Amino acid sequence: MAAKKILLLTGDFAEDYETMVPFQALLMVGHTVHAVCPGKKAGDKIKTAIHDFEGDQTYTEKPGHQFALNASFDDIDPASYDALVIAGGRAPEYLRLNERVLAAVRHFATAKKPIAAVCHGAQLLAAAGVISGKKISAYPACAPEVKLAGGEYADIAVDSAITDGNFVTAPAWPAHPQWLAQFLKVLGTQITL
């Protein structure tokens, strides 16, 4: 397996696990991962949030870790990356307002490079206009956005993931085992024991 170069889009109040777990897991299997946020540079930290499912109408939110970025958003060239990971949480709400972020998402979709999005990450896919005709999972509150963008909302269990072409999506962090396994498959990453 050739190591891949992966871009991880995240930001303040991204879901803690949805930023750190894929970052660490993809590094663990030998890929290069650059975690970036608009307006921030390598070494800057973002505030994350821990979202939990405790029986309320929606998730609860608690302060998460300070996550150190290892690359500068202003320096990235999407063409130099093999795949894209989009963290969920509240960060996609404002990341989708950044035209350069949307252009990066469009690059990966147009080039048919692997894209993994979890939870509210579908907001970026919808805002970029790249999911028409695709089965896309997301946190259920994002279902209307997926549908308005022409996607088919995949209403799956919170611990499940779905792959449609180069898109690998999941509703929330409990899906990490399936989401990351499916993403590794799309990347062509093979793990042997």
N, C-alpha and C. Protein backbone atom coordinates (compact mmCIF):
# COMPACT_ATOMS: atom_id res chain seq x y z
N MET A 1 0.84 -1.18 0.00
CA MET A 1 0.00 0.00 0.00
C MET A 1 0.88 1.24 0.00
N ALA A 2 0.58 2.13 -0.89
CA ALA A 2 1.28 3.41 -0.90
C ALA A 2 0.57 4.35 0.07
N ALA A 3 1.33 5.03 0.88
CA ALA A 3 0.75 5.98 1.82
C ALA A 3 0.06 7.09 1.05
N LYS A 4 -1.05 7.54 1.60
CA LYS A 4 -1.83 8.62 0.98
C LYS A 4 -1.63 9.91 1.76
N LYS A 5 -1.85 11.00 1.08
CA LYS A 5 -1.80 12.32 1.69
C LYS A 5 -3.25 12.80 1.83
N ILE A 6 -3.68 13.02 3.07
CA ILE A 6 -5.08 13.29 3.35
C ILE A 6 -5.23 14.66 3.98
N LEU A 7 -6.24 15.40 3.52
CA LEU A 7 -6.58 16.70 4.07
C LEU A 7 -7.75 16.53 5.03
N LEU A 8 -7.60 17.01 6.26
CA LEU A 8 -8.65 16.97 7.27
C LEU A 8 -9.12 18.39 7.52
N LEU A 9 -10.37 18.69 7.13
CA LEU A 9 -10.98 20.00 7.36
C LEU A 9 -11.68 19.98 8.70
N THR A 10 -11.31 20.90 9.57
CA THR A 10 -11.92 20.99 10.89
C THR A 10 -11.97 22.45 11.28
N GLY A 11 -12.44 22.71 12.48
CA GLY A 11 -12.52 24.09 12.93
C GLY A 11 -13.00 24.17 14.36
N ASP A 12 -13.06 25.39 14.86
CA ASP A 12 -13.53 25.58 16.23
C ASP A 12 -14.90 24.95 16.41
N PHE A 13 -15.05 24.25 17.49
CA PHE A 13 -16.27 23.56 17.88
C PHE A 13 -16.65 22.41 16.96
N ALA A 14 -15.64 21.91 16.24
CA ALA A 14 -15.84 20.62 15.57
C ALA A 14 -15.98 19.58 16.67
N GLU A 15 -16.63 18.49 16.35
CA GLU A 15 -16.78 17.43 17.35
C GLU A 15 -15.40 16.85 17.64
N ASP A 16 -15.07 16.78 18.90
CA ASP A 16 -13.78 16.32 19.39
C ASP A 16 -13.36 14.99 18.76
N TYR A 17 -14.19 13.96 18.94
CA TYR A 17 -13.85 12.63 18.44
C TYR A 17 -13.77 12.61 16.91
N GLU A 18 -14.62 13.40 16.26
CA GLU A 18 -14.67 13.37 14.80
C GLU A 18 -13.49 14.10 14.17
N THR A 19 -12.72 14.78 14.99
CA THR A 19 -11.48 15.39 14.54
C THR A 19 -10.30 14.50 14.92
N MET A 20 -10.22 14.17 16.21
CA MET A 20 -9.03 13.45 16.70
C MET A 20 -8.95 12.00 16.28
N VAL A 21 -10.06 11.27 16.30
CA VAL A 21 -10.00 9.84 15.99
C VAL A 21 -9.57 9.60 14.54
N PRO A 22 -10.19 10.23 13.54
CA PRO A 22 -9.69 9.98 12.18
C PRO A 22 -8.26 10.47 11.97
N PHE A 23 -7.93 11.61 12.58
CA PHE A 23 -6.56 12.12 12.47
C PHE A 23 -5.56 11.07 12.96
N GLN A 24 -5.80 10.56 14.16
CA GLN A 24 -4.86 9.59 14.75
C GLN A 24 -4.90 8.25 14.04
N ALA A 25 -6.10 7.78 13.68
CA ALA A 25 -6.21 6.47 13.03
C ALA A 25 -5.53 6.46 11.66
N LEU A 26 -5.71 7.52 10.90
CA LEU A 26 -5.10 7.57 9.57
C LEU A 26 -3.58 7.70 9.66
N LEU A 27 -3.10 8.42 10.66
CA LEU A 27 -1.65 8.46 10.90
C LEU A 27 -1.14 7.07 11.29
N MET A 28 -1.92 6.39 12.13
CA MET A 28 -1.51 5.08 12.63
C MET A 28 -1.27 4.08 11.50
N VAL A 29 -2.08 4.16 10.45
CA VAL A 29 -1.92 3.20 9.35
C VAL A 29 -0.92 3.67 8.30
N GLY A 30 -0.24 4.80 8.57
CA GLY A 30 0.85 5.23 7.71
C GLY A 30 0.56 6.36 6.75
N HIS A 31 -0.64 6.91 6.78
CA HIS A 31 -0.95 8.02 5.89
C HIS A 31 -0.45 9.34 6.48
N THR A 32 -0.24 10.30 5.62
CA THR A 32 0.08 11.67 6.04
C THR A 32 -1.24 12.40 6.14
N VAL A 33 -1.48 13.08 7.26
CA VAL A 33 -2.73 13.79 7.46
C VAL A 33 -2.41 15.24 7.83
N HIS A 34 -2.96 16.17 7.07
CA HIS A 34 -2.81 17.59 7.38
C HIS A 34 -4.15 18.11 7.88
N ALA A 35 -4.20 18.50 9.15
CA ALA A 35 -5.41 19.06 9.76
C ALA A 35 -5.34 20.57 9.64
N VAL A 36 -6.37 21.15 8.99
CA VAL A 36 -6.38 22.58 8.72
C VAL A 36 -7.72 23.21 9.10
N CYS A 37 -7.67 24.52 9.30
CA CYS A 37 -8.86 25.32 9.58
C CYS A 37 -8.63 26.70 8.96
N PRO A 38 -9.63 27.22 8.23
CA PRO A 38 -9.47 28.57 7.67
C PRO A 38 -9.14 29.59 8.75
N GLY A 39 -8.22 30.51 8.41
CA GLY A 39 -7.83 31.56 9.35
C GLY A 39 -6.83 31.12 10.39
N LYS A 40 -6.37 29.87 10.31
CA LYS A 40 -5.41 29.37 11.30
C LYS A 40 -4.23 28.73 10.58
N LYS A 41 -3.12 28.68 11.31
CA LYS A 41 -1.92 28.10 10.72
C LYS A 41 -1.41 26.94 11.56
N ALA A 42 -0.44 26.23 11.04
CA ALA A 42 0.15 25.10 11.76
C ALA A 42 0.59 25.55 13.14
N GLY A 43 0.24 24.74 14.14
CA GLY A 43 0.58 25.05 15.52
C GLY A 43 -0.54 25.75 16.28
N ASP A 44 -1.45 26.42 15.55
CA ASP A 44 -2.61 27.01 16.22
C ASP A 44 -3.50 25.89 16.73
N LYS A 45 -4.29 26.21 17.73
CA LYS A 45 -5.22 25.22 18.29
C LYS A 45 -6.66 25.65 18.03
N ILE A 46 -7.50 24.64 17.88
CA ILE A 46 -8.93 24.88 17.79
C ILE A 46 -9.58 24.31 19.05
N LYS A 47 -10.70 24.90 19.42
CA LYS A 47 -11.49 24.36 20.53
C LYS A 47 -12.44 23.33 19.94
N THR A 48 -12.47 22.15 20.52
CA THR A 48 -13.42 21.14 20.06
C THR A 48 -14.55 21.01 21.08
N ALA A 49 -15.58 20.30 20.70
CA ALA A 49 -16.72 20.05 21.58
C ALA A 49 -17.02 18.56 21.59
N ILE A 50 -17.44 18.08 22.73
CA ILE A 50 -17.85 16.68 22.85
C ILE A 50 -19.36 16.63 22.79
N HIS A 51 -19.86 15.95 21.79
CA HIS A 51 -21.30 15.77 21.61
C HIS A 51 -21.67 14.37 22.06
N ASP A 52 -22.68 14.28 22.89
CA ASP A 52 -23.09 12.97 23.40
C ASP A 52 -24.59 12.80 23.24
N PHE A 53 -25.00 11.57 23.25
CA PHE A 53 -26.40 11.21 23.07
C PHE A 53 -26.90 10.68 24.40
N GLU A 54 -27.65 11.53 25.09
CA GLU A 54 -28.07 11.20 26.47
C GLU A 54 -29.59 11.15 26.62
N GLY A 55 -30.30 10.92 25.52
CA GLY A 55 -31.74 10.78 25.59
C GLY A 55 -32.53 12.05 25.37
N ASP A 56 -31.85 13.15 25.09
CA ASP A 56 -32.53 14.41 24.80
C ASP A 56 -32.96 14.44 23.33
N GLN A 57 -33.64 15.51 22.93
CA GLN A 57 -34.09 15.61 21.55
C GLN A 57 -32.92 15.72 20.57
N THR A 58 -31.82 16.22 21.03
CA THR A 58 -30.61 16.29 20.21
C THR A 58 -29.42 15.99 21.12
N TYR A 59 -28.24 16.09 20.60
CA TYR A 59 -27.04 15.80 21.38
C TYR A 59 -26.81 16.89 22.43
N THR A 60 -26.07 16.52 23.46
CA THR A 60 -25.61 17.51 24.43
C THR A 60 -24.19 17.90 24.05
N GLU A 61 -23.75 19.06 24.52
CA GLU A 61 -22.43 19.55 24.15
C GLU A 61 -21.65 19.94 25.39
N LYS A 62 -20.40 19.47 25.42
CA LYS A 62 -19.48 19.78 26.51
C LYS A 62 -18.15 20.22 25.90
N PRO A 63 -17.35 20.98 26.63
CA PRO A 63 -16.04 21.38 26.07
C PRO A 63 -15.17 20.16 25.79
N GLY A 64 -14.48 20.22 24.66
CA GLY A 64 -13.57 19.15 24.30
C GLY A 64 -12.12 19.56 24.49
N HIS A 65 -11.24 18.89 23.80
CA HIS A 65 -9.81 19.17 23.89
C HIS A 65 -9.43 20.36 23.01
N GLN A 66 -8.26 20.90 23.27
CA GLN A 66 -7.63 21.86 22.37
C GLN A 66 -6.84 21.01 21.36
N PHE A 67 -7.21 21.10 20.10
CA PHE A 67 -6.58 20.28 19.07
C PHE A 67 -5.62 21.14 18.26
N ALA A 68 -4.36 20.73 18.21
CA ALA A 68 -3.33 21.49 17.49
C ALA A 68 -3.35 21.13 16.00
N LEU A 69 -3.48 22.13 15.17
CA LEU A 69 -3.42 21.94 13.72
C LEU A 69 -1.97 21.70 13.31
N ASN A 70 -1.77 20.90 12.28
CA ASN A 70 -0.39 20.62 11.86
C ASN A 70 -0.08 21.15 10.46
N ALA A 71 -1.00 21.92 9.90
CA ALA A 71 -0.76 22.55 8.59
C ALA A 71 -1.55 23.85 8.55
N SER A 72 -1.18 24.71 7.63
CA SER A 72 -1.82 26.03 7.49
C SER A 72 -2.80 26.00 6.33
N PHE A 73 -4.03 26.39 6.59
CA PHE A 73 -5.06 26.39 5.55
C PHE A 73 -4.63 27.20 4.34
N ASP A 74 -4.02 28.36 4.56
CA ASP A 74 -3.62 29.22 3.44
C ASP A 74 -2.59 28.58 2.53
N ASP A 75 -1.88 27.55 3.02
CA ASP A 75 -0.82 26.92 2.24
C ASP A 75 -1.27 25.67 1.48
N ILE A 76 -2.49 25.21 1.70
CA ILE A 76 -2.89 23.94 1.08
C ILE A 76 -3.22 24.11 -0.39
N ASP A 77 -2.92 23.06 -1.14
CA ASP A 77 -3.31 22.94 -2.53
C ASP A 77 -4.07 21.63 -2.64
N PRO A 78 -5.40 21.68 -2.75
CA PRO A 78 -6.19 20.45 -2.78
C PRO A 78 -5.69 19.42 -3.80
N ALA A 79 -5.13 19.89 -4.91
CA ALA A 79 -4.64 18.97 -5.94
C ALA A 79 -3.51 18.09 -5.44
N SER A 80 -2.83 18.50 -4.37
CA SER A 80 -1.71 17.71 -3.86
C SER A 80 -2.13 16.64 -2.86
N TYR A 81 -3.45 16.51 -2.62
CA TYR A 81 -3.96 15.53 -1.66
C TYR A 81 -4.71 14.43 -2.37
N ASP A 82 -4.68 13.24 -1.76
CA ASP A 82 -5.35 12.07 -2.32
C ASP A 82 -6.77 11.91 -1.82
N ALA A 83 -7.10 12.51 -0.67
CA ALA A 83 -8.41 12.30 -0.07
C ALA A 83 -8.73 13.44 0.89
N LEU A 84 -10.01 13.53 1.24
CA LEU A 84 -10.50 14.57 2.13
C LEU A 84 -11.32 13.96 3.25
N VAL A 85 -11.10 14.44 4.48
CA VAL A 85 -11.93 14.07 5.63
C VAL A 85 -12.54 15.36 6.17
N ILE A 86 -13.86 15.32 6.41
CA ILE A 86 -14.56 16.47 6.94
C ILE A 86 -15.11 16.11 8.32
N ALA A 87 -14.61 16.79 9.34
CA ALA A 87 -15.09 16.57 10.71
C ALA A 87 -16.46 17.22 10.88
N GLY A 88 -17.27 16.64 11.76
CA GLY A 88 -18.59 17.18 12.03
C GLY A 88 -18.58 18.13 13.21
N GLY A 89 -19.71 18.21 13.87
CA GLY A 89 -19.88 19.17 14.94
C GLY A 89 -20.39 20.49 14.38
N ARG A 90 -20.15 21.56 15.10
CA ARG A 90 -20.66 22.85 14.64
C ARG A 90 -19.75 23.55 13.65
N ALA A 91 -18.52 23.11 13.50
CA ALA A 91 -17.59 23.77 12.57
C ALA A 91 -18.13 23.87 11.15
N PRO A 92 -18.76 22.83 10.59
CA PRO A 92 -19.25 22.96 9.21
C PRO A 92 -20.24 24.10 9.00
N GLU A 93 -20.94 24.53 10.06
CA GLU A 93 -21.86 25.66 9.92
C GLU A 93 -21.16 26.88 9.35
N TYR A 94 -19.96 27.17 9.86
CA TYR A 94 -19.27 28.36 9.37
C TYR A 94 -18.26 28.03 8.28
N LEU A 95 -17.73 26.82 8.26
CA LEU A 95 -16.80 26.46 7.19
C LEU A 95 -17.49 26.53 5.83
N ARG A 96 -18.79 26.23 5.77
CA ARG A 96 -19.51 26.25 4.50
C ARG A 96 -19.70 27.65 3.94
N LEU A 97 -19.38 28.66 4.73
CA LEU A 97 -19.49 30.04 4.26
C LEU A 97 -18.20 30.52 3.60
N ASN A 98 -17.16 29.69 3.63
CA ASN A 98 -15.85 30.05 3.09
C ASN A 98 -15.74 29.48 1.67
N GLU A 99 -15.68 30.35 0.69
CA GLU A 99 -15.65 29.91 -0.70
C GLU A 99 -14.42 29.05 -1.00
N ARG A 100 -13.31 29.31 -0.36
CA ARG A 100 -12.11 28.49 -0.61
C ARG A 100 -12.29 27.07 -0.07
N VAL A 101 -12.99 26.93 1.06
CA VAL A 101 -13.32 25.60 1.58
C VAL A 101 -14.22 24.87 0.58
N LEU A 102 -15.25 25.56 0.11
CA LEU A 102 -16.17 24.93 -0.84
C LEU A 102 -15.45 24.54 -2.13
N ALA A 103 -14.52 25.38 -2.58
CA ALA A 103 -13.75 25.05 -3.79
C ALA A 103 -12.90 23.79 -3.56
N ALA A 104 -12.35 23.65 -2.37
CA ALA A 104 -11.56 22.46 -2.06
C ALA A 104 -12.45 21.21 -2.09
N VAL A 105 -13.62 21.30 -1.48
CA VAL A 105 -14.55 20.17 -1.49
C VAL A 105 -14.93 19.82 -2.93
N ARG A 106 -15.20 20.83 -3.73
CA ARG A 106 -15.55 20.59 -5.14
C ARG A 106 -14.40 19.92 -5.89
N HIS A 107 -13.17 20.32 -5.59
CA HIS A 107 -12.02 19.69 -6.24
C HIS A 107 -12.02 18.19 -5.99
N PHE A 108 -12.17 17.79 -4.73
CA PHE A 108 -12.13 16.36 -4.40
C PHE A 108 -13.29 15.61 -5.08
N ALA A 109 -14.47 16.22 -5.10
CA ALA A 109 -15.63 15.57 -5.71
C ALA A 109 -15.46 15.45 -7.21
N THR A 110 -15.04 16.52 -7.86
CA THR A 110 -14.87 16.52 -9.32
C THR A 110 -13.79 15.52 -9.74
N ALA A 111 -12.72 15.45 -8.95
CA ALA A 111 -11.61 14.53 -9.25
C ALA A 111 -11.93 13.10 -8.81
N LYS A 112 -13.09 12.91 -8.20
CA LYS A 112 -13.52 11.59 -7.69
C LYS A 112 -12.52 11.00 -6.70
N LYS A 113 -11.92 11.89 -5.92
CA LYS A 113 -11.03 11.45 -4.84
C LYS A 113 -11.90 11.07 -3.64
N PRO A 114 -11.44 10.14 -2.79
CA PRO A 114 -12.23 9.75 -1.63
C PRO A 114 -12.53 10.94 -0.71
N ILE A 115 -13.80 11.00 -0.28
CA ILE A 115 -14.25 12.02 0.66
C ILE A 115 -14.98 11.32 1.79
N ALA A 116 -14.54 11.54 3.01
CA ALA A 116 -15.21 11.00 4.20
C ALA A 116 -15.78 12.17 4.98
N ALA A 117 -17.09 12.14 5.24
CA ALA A 117 -17.73 13.19 6.03
C ALA A 117 -18.59 12.52 7.09
N VAL A 118 -18.56 13.09 8.27
CA VAL A 118 -19.31 12.53 9.39
C VAL A 118 -20.16 13.62 10.01
N CYS A 119 -21.34 13.24 10.50
CA CYS A 119 -22.21 14.12 11.26
C CYS A 119 -22.62 15.35 10.43
N HIS A 120 -22.31 16.55 10.92
CA HIS A 120 -22.66 17.78 10.22
C HIS A 120 -21.73 18.08 9.04
N GLY A 121 -20.75 17.22 8.79
CA GLY A 121 -19.88 17.39 7.64
C GLY A 121 -20.65 17.44 6.34
N ALA A 122 -21.83 16.82 6.32
CA ALA A 122 -22.68 16.84 5.12
C ALA A 122 -23.10 18.27 4.76
N GLN A 123 -23.07 19.19 5.73
CA GLN A 123 -23.39 20.58 5.43
C GLN A 123 -22.40 21.15 4.42
N LEU A 124 -21.14 20.77 4.52
CA LEU A 124 -20.14 21.22 3.54
C LEU A 124 -20.39 20.59 2.18
N LEU A 125 -20.73 19.31 2.16
CA LEU A 125 -21.01 18.64 0.89
C LEU A 125 -22.21 19.28 0.21
N ALA A 126 -23.24 19.57 0.99
CA ALA A 126 -24.45 20.19 0.42
C ALA A 126 -24.15 21.60 -0.09
N ALA A 127 -23.45 22.39 0.71
CA ALA A 127 -23.15 23.77 0.32
C ALA A 127 -22.25 23.82 -0.92
N ALA A 128 -21.40 22.81 -1.08
CA ALA A 128 -20.51 22.76 -2.24
C ALA A 128 -21.25 22.26 -3.49
N GLY A 129 -22.44 21.72 -3.30
CA GLY A 129 -23.23 21.25 -4.44
C GLY A 129 -22.68 20.01 -5.11
N VAL A 130 -22.16 19.06 -4.30
CA VAL A 130 -21.49 17.90 -4.89
C VAL A 130 -22.19 16.57 -4.63
N ILE A 131 -23.39 16.58 -4.04
CA ILE A 131 -24.00 15.31 -3.63
C ILE A 131 -25.28 14.95 -4.40
N SER A 132 -25.58 15.65 -5.44
CA SER A 132 -26.77 15.33 -6.22
C SER A 132 -26.72 13.88 -6.69
N GLY A 133 -27.79 13.12 -6.39
CA GLY A 133 -27.87 11.73 -6.80
C GLY A 133 -27.09 10.76 -5.94
N LYS A 134 -26.45 11.23 -4.89
CA LYS A 134 -25.64 10.37 -4.01
C LYS A 134 -26.40 10.03 -2.74
N LYS A 135 -26.17 8.82 -2.21
CA LYS A 135 -26.70 8.43 -0.90
C LYS A 135 -25.73 8.93 0.15
N ILE A 136 -26.21 9.85 1.00
CA ILE A 136 -25.36 10.51 1.97
C ILE A 136 -25.98 10.40 3.35
N SER A 137 -25.21 9.96 4.32
CA SER A 137 -25.66 9.95 5.70
C SER A 137 -25.11 11.18 6.40
N ALA A 138 -25.77 11.53 7.49
CA ALA A 138 -25.37 12.70 8.28
C ALA A 138 -26.15 12.65 9.59
N TYR A 139 -25.82 13.56 10.48
CA TYR A 139 -26.64 13.71 11.66
C TYR A 139 -28.06 14.01 11.16
N PRO A 140 -29.09 13.39 11.74
CA PRO A 140 -30.45 13.54 11.20
C PRO A 140 -30.92 14.98 10.99
N ALA A 141 -30.45 15.91 11.80
CA ALA A 141 -30.85 17.31 11.63
C ALA A 141 -30.36 17.89 10.31
N CYS A 142 -29.40 17.23 9.66
CA CYS A 142 -28.88 17.70 8.37
C CYS A 142 -29.60 17.06 7.18
N ALA A 143 -30.56 16.16 7.44
CA ALA A 143 -31.28 15.49 6.35
C ALA A 143 -31.91 16.48 5.37
N PRO A 144 -32.56 17.55 5.84
CA PRO A 144 -33.14 18.49 4.87
C PRO A 144 -32.10 19.10 3.93
N GLU A 145 -30.91 19.40 4.44
CA GLU A 145 -29.87 19.98 3.59
C GLU A 145 -29.39 18.99 2.54
N VAL A 146 -29.24 17.72 2.94
CA VAL A 146 -28.83 16.69 1.99
C VAL A 146 -29.87 16.61 0.87
N LYS A 147 -31.14 16.58 1.24
CA LYS A 147 -32.22 16.47 0.25
C LYS A 147 -32.30 17.70 -0.64
N LEU A 148 -32.18 18.90 -0.04
CA LEU A 148 -32.23 20.13 -0.84
C LEU A 148 -31.08 20.22 -1.83
N ALA A 149 -29.96 19.57 -1.51
CA ALA A 149 -28.80 19.58 -2.41
C ALA A 149 -28.90 18.47 -3.45
N GLY A 150 -30.03 17.74 -3.47
CA GLY A 150 -30.23 16.71 -4.48
C GLY A 150 -29.72 15.34 -4.09
N GLY A 151 -29.23 15.20 -2.85
CA GLY A 151 -28.77 13.91 -2.38
C GLY A 151 -29.92 13.09 -1.82
N GLU A 152 -29.68 11.81 -1.68
CA GLU A 152 -30.64 10.93 -1.03
C GLU A 152 -30.13 10.72 0.40
N TYR A 153 -30.91 11.19 1.37
CA TYR A 153 -30.49 11.05 2.76
C TYR A 153 -30.57 9.58 3.17
N ALA A 154 -29.45 9.03 3.63
CA ALA A 154 -29.38 7.65 4.10
C ALA A 154 -29.65 7.65 5.60
N ASP A 155 -30.82 7.24 5.98
CA ASP A 155 -31.23 7.19 7.39
C ASP A 155 -30.79 5.85 7.95
N ILE A 156 -29.57 5.82 8.48
CA ILE A 156 -28.98 4.58 8.98
C ILE A 156 -28.72 4.71 10.48
N ALA A 157 -28.42 3.60 11.10
CA ALA A 157 -28.14 3.58 12.54
C ALA A 157 -26.94 4.47 12.85
N VAL A 158 -26.93 5.04 14.05
CA VAL A 158 -25.89 5.99 14.45
C VAL A 158 -24.49 5.35 14.44
N ASP A 159 -24.42 4.03 14.49
CA ASP A 159 -23.12 3.35 14.47
C ASP A 159 -22.82 2.69 13.11
N SER A 160 -23.51 3.16 12.07
CA SER A 160 -23.31 2.63 10.72
C SER A 160 -22.75 3.71 9.80
N ALA A 161 -22.26 3.27 8.66
CA ALA A 161 -21.74 4.18 7.64
C ALA A 161 -22.20 3.67 6.29
N ILE A 162 -22.10 4.53 5.28
CA ILE A 162 -22.50 4.16 3.92
C ILE A 162 -21.48 4.72 2.94
N THR A 163 -21.21 3.94 1.91
CA THR A 163 -20.32 4.37 0.83
C THR A 163 -21.12 4.45 -0.45
N ASP A 164 -20.99 5.57 -1.16
CA ASP A 164 -21.59 5.74 -2.48
C ASP A 164 -20.51 6.35 -3.36
N GLY A 165 -19.92 5.51 -4.20
CA GLY A 165 -18.81 5.97 -5.04
C GLY A 165 -17.63 6.37 -4.18
N ASN A 166 -17.20 7.63 -4.31
CA ASN A 166 -16.05 8.11 -3.54
C ASN A 166 -16.47 8.75 -2.21
N PHE A 167 -17.76 8.78 -1.91
CA PHE A 167 -18.25 9.38 -0.66
C PHE A 167 -18.46 8.31 0.40
N VAL A 168 -17.89 8.55 1.59
CA VAL A 168 -18.11 7.68 2.74
C VAL A 168 -18.66 8.58 3.84
N THR A 169 -19.89 8.30 4.27
CA THR A 169 -20.54 9.18 5.24
C THR A 169 -21.14 8.39 6.38
N ALA A 170 -21.33 9.09 7.50
CA ALA A 170 -21.88 8.46 8.70
C ALA A 170 -22.60 9.52 9.53
N PRO A 171 -23.55 9.08 10.38
CA PRO A 171 -24.33 10.04 11.17
C PRO A 171 -23.60 10.68 12.34
N ALA A 172 -22.66 9.99 12.94
CA ALA A 172 -21.99 10.55 14.13
C ALA A 172 -20.83 9.66 14.55
N TRP A 173 -20.10 10.11 15.57
CA TRP A 173 -18.89 9.41 16.00
C TRP A 173 -19.09 7.94 16.41
N PRO A 174 -20.27 7.49 16.88
CA PRO A 174 -20.37 6.06 17.17
C PRO A 174 -20.12 5.17 15.94
N ALA A 175 -20.17 5.75 14.76
CA ALA A 175 -19.94 5.00 13.52
C ALA A 175 -18.47 4.89 13.15
N HIS A 176 -17.57 5.44 13.94
CA HIS A 176 -16.15 5.44 13.55
C HIS A 176 -15.63 4.09 13.06
N PRO A 177 -15.90 2.97 13.73
CA PRO A 177 -15.34 1.71 13.22
C PRO A 177 -15.77 1.42 11.77
N GLN A 178 -17.05 1.58 11.47
CA GLN A 178 -17.50 1.31 10.10
C GLN A 178 -17.07 2.41 9.14
N TRP A 179 -17.20 3.67 9.57
CA TRP A 179 -16.86 4.81 8.72
C TRP A 179 -15.39 4.76 8.29
N LEU A 180 -14.51 4.56 9.27
CA LEU A 180 -13.08 4.53 8.94
C LEU A 180 -12.72 3.27 8.15
N ALA A 181 -13.34 2.13 8.46
CA ALA A 181 -13.06 0.91 7.69
C ALA A 181 -13.47 1.09 6.23
N GLN A 182 -14.64 1.68 6.00
CA GLN A 182 -15.09 1.91 4.62
C GLN A 182 -14.21 2.94 3.91
N PHE A 183 -13.78 3.97 4.64
CA PHE A 183 -12.90 4.97 4.05
C PHE A 183 -11.56 4.35 3.66
N LEU A 184 -11.01 3.52 4.54
CA LEU A 184 -9.74 2.84 4.21
C LEU A 184 -9.89 1.97 2.97
N LYS A 185 -11.03 1.33 2.84
CA LYS A 185 -11.28 0.49 1.65
C LYS A 185 -11.29 1.35 0.39
N VAL A 186 -12.00 2.49 0.44
CA VAL A 186 -12.04 3.38 -0.73
C VAL A 186 -10.65 3.92 -1.03
N LEU A 187 -9.85 4.17 0.01
CA LEU A 187 -8.47 4.64 -0.18
C LEU A 187 -7.57 3.55 -0.77
N GLY A 188 -7.98 2.29 -0.63
CA GLY A 188 -7.13 1.18 -1.06
C GLY A 188 -6.15 0.75 0.00
N THR A 189 -6.39 1.17 1.24
CA THR A 189 -5.52 0.81 2.35
C THR A 189 -5.86 -0.60 2.83
N GLN A 190 -4.85 -1.45 2.89
CA GLN A 190 -5.06 -2.81 3.39
C GLN A 190 -4.25 -3.00 4.66
N ILE A 191 -4.94 -3.52 5.65
CA ILE A 191 -4.28 -3.81 6.93
C ILE A 191 -4.23 -5.31 7.08
N THR A 192 -3.04 -5.86 7.28
CA THR A 192 -2.90 -7.31 7.47
C THR A 192 -2.40 -7.57 8.88
N LEU A 193 -2.93 -8.62 9.44
CA LEU A 193 -2.54 -8.99 10.81
C LEU A 193 -1.69 -10.23 10.80
